[in-house]
N, C-alpha and C. Protein backbone atom coordinates (compact mmCIF):
# COMPACT_ATOMS: atom_id res chain seq x y z
N MET A 1 -10.70 -11.83 0.98
CA MET A 1 -9.28 -11.75 1.06
C MET A 1 -8.81 -10.31 0.97
N ILE A 2 -7.87 -9.97 1.78
CA ILE A 2 -7.23 -8.62 1.80
C ILE A 2 -5.83 -8.73 1.24
N LEU A 3 -5.44 -7.86 0.30
CA LEU A 3 -4.11 -7.82 -0.24
C LEU A 3 -3.37 -6.69 0.36
N ILE A 4 -2.20 -6.97 0.91
CA ILE A 4 -1.27 -5.95 1.50
C ILE A 4 -0.18 -5.80 0.47
N ILE A 5 0.02 -4.61 0.00
CA ILE A 5 1.13 -4.27 -0.98
C ILE A 5 2.23 -3.73 -0.06
N ASP A 6 3.37 -4.34 -0.12
CA ASP A 6 4.52 -4.15 0.78
C ASP A 6 5.43 -3.03 0.20
N PHE A 7 5.31 -1.88 0.78
CA PHE A 7 6.23 -0.76 0.37
C PHE A 7 7.45 -0.66 1.33
N GLY A 8 7.69 -1.74 2.10
CA GLY A 8 8.87 -1.76 2.90
C GLY A 8 8.65 -1.55 4.34
N SER A 9 7.43 -1.60 4.82
CA SER A 9 7.11 -1.33 6.16
C SER A 9 7.71 -2.42 7.10
N GLN A 10 8.17 -2.03 8.25
CA GLN A 10 8.60 -2.99 9.17
C GLN A 10 7.43 -3.66 9.90
N TYR A 11 6.18 -3.19 9.64
CA TYR A 11 4.98 -3.67 10.31
C TYR A 11 4.08 -4.53 9.45
N ASN A 12 4.55 -4.90 8.24
CA ASN A 12 3.70 -5.69 7.36
C ASN A 12 3.18 -6.95 7.98
N GLN A 13 4.06 -7.72 8.67
CA GLN A 13 3.62 -8.96 9.35
C GLN A 13 2.55 -8.65 10.48
N LEU A 14 2.76 -7.53 11.20
CA LEU A 14 1.82 -7.17 12.24
C LEU A 14 0.49 -6.80 11.55
N ILE A 15 0.49 -6.02 10.53
CA ILE A 15 -0.78 -5.69 9.85
C ILE A 15 -1.46 -6.95 9.36
N ALA A 16 -0.72 -7.91 8.75
CA ALA A 16 -1.32 -9.16 8.37
C ALA A 16 -1.91 -9.93 9.48
N ARG A 17 -1.18 -9.98 10.57
CA ARG A 17 -1.66 -10.70 11.81
C ARG A 17 -2.90 -10.06 12.28
N ARG A 18 -3.06 -8.78 12.33
CA ARG A 18 -4.24 -8.07 12.73
C ARG A 18 -5.45 -8.40 11.87
N VAL A 19 -5.15 -8.39 10.62
CA VAL A 19 -6.23 -8.77 9.65
C VAL A 19 -6.72 -10.19 9.88
N ARG A 20 -5.74 -11.15 10.01
CA ARG A 20 -6.07 -12.56 10.19
C ARG A 20 -6.74 -12.80 11.48
N GLU A 21 -6.47 -12.00 12.51
CA GLU A 21 -7.08 -12.16 13.81
C GLU A 21 -8.70 -12.01 13.74
N HIS A 22 -9.12 -11.38 12.59
CA HIS A 22 -10.52 -11.20 12.39
C HIS A 22 -11.04 -12.29 11.38
N GLN A 23 -10.33 -13.37 11.25
CA GLN A 23 -10.63 -14.45 10.42
C GLN A 23 -10.78 -14.08 8.96
N VAL A 24 -9.88 -13.18 8.54
CA VAL A 24 -9.91 -12.71 7.17
C VAL A 24 -8.53 -13.18 6.55
N TYR A 25 -8.60 -13.85 5.45
CA TYR A 25 -7.35 -14.25 4.84
C TYR A 25 -6.67 -13.06 4.17
N CYS A 26 -5.36 -13.06 4.17
CA CYS A 26 -4.67 -11.93 3.55
C CYS A 26 -3.26 -12.38 2.99
N GLU A 27 -2.80 -11.68 1.96
CA GLU A 27 -1.51 -11.99 1.35
C GLU A 27 -0.76 -10.76 1.30
N ILE A 28 0.52 -10.82 1.43
CA ILE A 28 1.44 -9.69 1.27
C ILE A 28 2.23 -9.85 -0.06
N GLU A 29 2.14 -8.88 -0.88
CA GLU A 29 2.81 -8.93 -2.22
C GLU A 29 3.65 -7.67 -2.44
N PRO A 30 4.66 -7.79 -3.30
CA PRO A 30 5.50 -6.63 -3.57
C PRO A 30 4.85 -5.61 -4.41
N PRO A 31 5.33 -4.35 -4.48
CA PRO A 31 4.63 -3.28 -5.23
C PRO A 31 4.68 -3.61 -6.73
N GLY A 32 5.54 -4.51 -7.23
CA GLY A 32 5.53 -4.84 -8.65
C GLY A 32 4.46 -5.79 -9.07
N ILE A 33 3.60 -6.19 -8.14
CA ILE A 33 2.49 -7.05 -8.58
C ILE A 33 1.69 -6.44 -9.65
N SER A 34 1.25 -7.18 -10.69
CA SER A 34 0.50 -6.53 -11.77
C SER A 34 -0.95 -6.54 -11.43
N VAL A 35 -1.67 -5.60 -12.14
CA VAL A 35 -3.11 -5.50 -11.95
C VAL A 35 -3.74 -6.82 -12.35
N LYS A 36 -3.19 -7.48 -13.37
CA LYS A 36 -3.79 -8.78 -13.80
C LYS A 36 -3.69 -9.84 -12.67
N ASN A 37 -2.50 -9.81 -11.95
CA ASN A 37 -2.41 -10.71 -10.76
C ASN A 37 -3.31 -10.30 -9.62
N ILE A 38 -3.48 -9.04 -9.48
CA ILE A 38 -4.43 -8.57 -8.34
C ILE A 38 -5.84 -9.07 -8.72
N LYS A 39 -6.19 -8.89 -9.96
CA LYS A 39 -7.56 -9.38 -10.35
C LYS A 39 -7.75 -10.83 -10.11
N GLU A 40 -6.71 -11.62 -10.40
CA GLU A 40 -6.72 -13.05 -10.17
C GLU A 40 -6.92 -13.41 -8.75
N LEU A 41 -6.21 -12.63 -7.90
CA LEU A 41 -6.35 -12.87 -6.41
C LEU A 41 -7.78 -12.47 -5.95
N ALA A 42 -8.43 -11.58 -6.64
CA ALA A 42 -9.74 -11.07 -6.28
C ALA A 42 -9.96 -10.62 -4.84
N PRO A 43 -9.13 -9.69 -4.43
CA PRO A 43 -9.22 -9.15 -3.02
C PRO A 43 -10.42 -8.35 -2.80
N GLU A 44 -10.95 -8.33 -1.66
CA GLU A 44 -12.09 -7.51 -1.27
C GLU A 44 -11.60 -6.10 -0.76
N GLY A 45 -10.31 -6.00 -0.51
CA GLY A 45 -9.75 -4.75 -0.11
C GLY A 45 -8.26 -4.83 -0.26
N ILE A 46 -7.60 -3.68 -0.41
CA ILE A 46 -6.18 -3.56 -0.60
C ILE A 46 -5.63 -2.60 0.52
N ILE A 47 -4.53 -2.98 1.17
CA ILE A 47 -3.79 -2.10 2.08
C ILE A 47 -2.49 -1.78 1.40
N LEU A 48 -2.20 -0.48 1.34
CA LEU A 48 -0.92 -0.01 0.86
C LEU A 48 -0.07 0.29 2.05
N SER A 49 0.90 -0.44 2.36
CA SER A 49 1.71 -0.31 3.58
C SER A 49 2.50 0.97 3.55
N GLY A 50 3.01 1.25 4.75
CA GLY A 50 4.01 2.26 4.89
C GLY A 50 5.35 1.89 4.42
N GLY A 51 6.31 2.63 4.59
CA GLY A 51 7.69 2.35 4.17
C GLY A 51 8.61 3.46 4.55
N PRO A 52 9.88 3.26 4.39
CA PRO A 52 10.89 4.27 4.83
C PRO A 52 11.09 5.36 3.77
N ALA A 53 10.54 5.23 2.63
CA ALA A 53 10.79 6.29 1.51
C ALA A 53 9.86 7.42 1.61
N SER A 54 10.16 8.50 1.00
CA SER A 54 9.27 9.61 0.70
C SER A 54 8.72 9.45 -0.74
N ILE A 55 7.60 9.84 -0.97
CA ILE A 55 6.95 9.64 -2.33
C ILE A 55 7.82 10.43 -3.36
N TYR A 56 8.52 11.46 -3.00
CA TYR A 56 9.31 12.24 -4.02
C TYR A 56 10.70 11.78 -4.07
N ALA A 57 11.14 10.82 -3.30
CA ALA A 57 12.49 10.36 -3.29
C ALA A 57 12.76 9.56 -4.64
N LYS A 58 13.97 9.79 -5.18
CA LYS A 58 14.37 9.06 -6.39
C LYS A 58 14.34 7.51 -6.08
N GLY A 59 13.67 6.74 -6.90
CA GLY A 59 13.64 5.34 -6.67
C GLY A 59 12.59 4.82 -5.69
N ALA A 60 11.77 5.85 -5.28
CA ALA A 60 10.66 5.39 -4.32
C ALA A 60 9.81 4.27 -4.92
N PRO A 61 9.40 3.31 -4.14
CA PRO A 61 8.60 2.20 -4.73
C PRO A 61 7.23 2.69 -5.17
N ARG A 62 6.78 2.11 -6.25
CA ARG A 62 5.43 2.38 -6.91
C ARG A 62 4.77 1.14 -7.18
N THR A 63 3.45 1.22 -7.36
CA THR A 63 2.73 0.09 -7.86
C THR A 63 1.88 0.67 -9.02
N ASP A 64 1.29 -0.20 -9.81
CA ASP A 64 0.50 0.16 -10.88
C ASP A 64 -0.62 1.11 -10.50
N ARG A 65 -0.72 2.27 -11.10
CA ARG A 65 -1.82 3.21 -10.69
C ARG A 65 -3.16 2.73 -11.10
N ASP A 66 -3.26 1.72 -11.93
CA ASP A 66 -4.59 1.13 -12.34
C ASP A 66 -5.27 0.45 -11.17
N ILE A 67 -4.59 0.19 -10.03
CA ILE A 67 -5.25 -0.42 -8.93
C ILE A 67 -6.44 0.49 -8.47
N PHE A 68 -6.30 1.77 -8.74
CA PHE A 68 -7.39 2.66 -8.26
C PHE A 68 -8.60 2.65 -9.24
N ASN A 69 -8.53 1.89 -10.31
CA ASN A 69 -9.71 1.71 -11.25
C ASN A 69 -10.30 0.35 -11.06
N LEU A 70 -9.93 -0.36 -10.07
CA LEU A 70 -10.48 -1.73 -9.84
C LEU A 70 -11.82 -1.75 -9.13
N GLY A 71 -12.15 -0.71 -8.52
CA GLY A 71 -13.38 -0.70 -7.70
C GLY A 71 -13.25 -1.35 -6.40
N ILE A 72 -11.96 -1.51 -5.87
CA ILE A 72 -11.74 -2.17 -4.61
C ILE A 72 -11.40 -1.17 -3.57
N PRO A 73 -11.96 -1.21 -2.33
CA PRO A 73 -11.53 -0.28 -1.31
C PRO A 73 -10.02 -0.39 -1.05
N ILE A 74 -9.39 0.80 -0.86
CA ILE A 74 -7.97 0.82 -0.61
C ILE A 74 -7.64 1.66 0.59
N LEU A 75 -6.86 1.19 1.54
CA LEU A 75 -6.40 1.86 2.69
C LEU A 75 -4.88 2.08 2.50
N GLY A 76 -4.48 3.32 2.64
CA GLY A 76 -3.13 3.72 2.54
C GLY A 76 -2.64 4.03 3.91
N ILE A 77 -1.50 3.45 4.36
CA ILE A 77 -0.88 3.78 5.65
C ILE A 77 0.45 4.43 5.46
N CYS A 78 0.62 5.61 5.96
CA CYS A 78 1.89 6.35 5.89
C CYS A 78 2.33 6.48 4.40
N TYR A 79 3.42 5.86 4.06
CA TYR A 79 3.87 5.96 2.61
C TYR A 79 2.75 5.56 1.68
N GLY A 80 1.99 4.54 1.99
CA GLY A 80 0.86 4.10 1.15
C GLY A 80 -0.16 5.31 0.85
N MET A 81 -0.38 6.11 1.84
CA MET A 81 -1.24 7.28 1.67
C MET A 81 -0.57 8.30 0.83
N GLN A 82 0.68 8.53 1.05
CA GLN A 82 1.48 9.41 0.26
C GLN A 82 1.40 9.03 -1.25
N PHE A 83 1.53 7.71 -1.52
CA PHE A 83 1.47 7.19 -2.83
C PHE A 83 0.07 7.45 -3.45
N MET A 84 -1.01 7.16 -2.65
CA MET A 84 -2.28 7.48 -3.15
C MET A 84 -2.51 8.93 -3.53
N MET A 85 -2.14 9.84 -2.58
CA MET A 85 -2.33 11.24 -2.85
C MET A 85 -1.58 11.72 -4.09
N GLU A 86 -0.31 11.41 -4.20
CA GLU A 86 0.46 11.84 -5.34
C GLU A 86 -0.04 11.18 -6.64
N THR A 87 -0.42 9.97 -6.65
CA THR A 87 -0.91 9.24 -7.88
C THR A 87 -2.26 9.84 -8.25
N LEU A 88 -3.07 10.14 -7.35
CA LEU A 88 -4.44 10.68 -7.71
C LEU A 88 -4.52 12.21 -7.85
N GLY A 89 -3.37 12.84 -7.92
CA GLY A 89 -3.38 14.24 -8.19
C GLY A 89 -3.20 15.17 -7.00
N GLY A 90 -3.13 14.63 -5.79
CA GLY A 90 -2.95 15.42 -4.59
C GLY A 90 -1.53 15.88 -4.45
N LYS A 91 -1.23 16.61 -3.32
CA LYS A 91 0.07 17.08 -3.03
C LYS A 91 0.54 16.66 -1.69
N VAL A 92 1.69 16.06 -1.54
CA VAL A 92 2.25 15.71 -0.32
C VAL A 92 3.31 16.73 0.02
N ILE A 93 3.24 17.30 1.19
CA ILE A 93 4.15 18.40 1.62
C ILE A 93 4.96 17.79 2.75
N GLY A 94 6.34 17.94 2.58
CA GLY A 94 7.29 17.39 3.58
C GLY A 94 7.18 18.10 4.88
N SER A 95 7.47 17.41 5.93
CA SER A 95 7.59 17.96 7.25
C SER A 95 9.00 18.40 7.55
N GLN A 96 9.16 19.24 8.52
CA GLN A 96 10.51 19.68 8.93
C GLN A 96 11.22 18.54 9.70
N LYS A 97 10.36 17.63 10.21
CA LYS A 97 10.88 16.54 11.05
C LYS A 97 10.47 15.21 10.51
N ARG A 98 11.51 14.18 10.35
CA ARG A 98 11.03 12.90 9.82
C ARG A 98 10.28 12.11 10.92
N GLU A 99 9.42 11.22 10.54
CA GLU A 99 8.69 10.45 11.45
C GLU A 99 9.13 9.01 11.36
N TYR A 100 9.11 8.36 12.51
CA TYR A 100 9.49 6.95 12.49
C TYR A 100 8.26 6.10 12.42
N GLY A 101 8.32 5.00 11.56
CA GLY A 101 7.21 4.07 11.48
C GLY A 101 6.68 4.02 10.09
């Protein structure tokens, strides 16, 4: 099972469809899902979706940072990668031009 954490991407259903096309079950959950619930789902991988926010924007969506201590592979897409970088001590530098997607 693959868990997709939805940071507001317009492509979440497409990501889920692509995962399912490989005969892999997946679920989409909001960023507020608890680590306890993630453990109960027992995913073999987590996808952090993209979204319209910037990681430094006030009110930007977050999920529990303890997901990085679960020993589960995590793929960050767009905003999801920004979240990973900032949470794990990296630095996200803004671009002069906004990107769509």
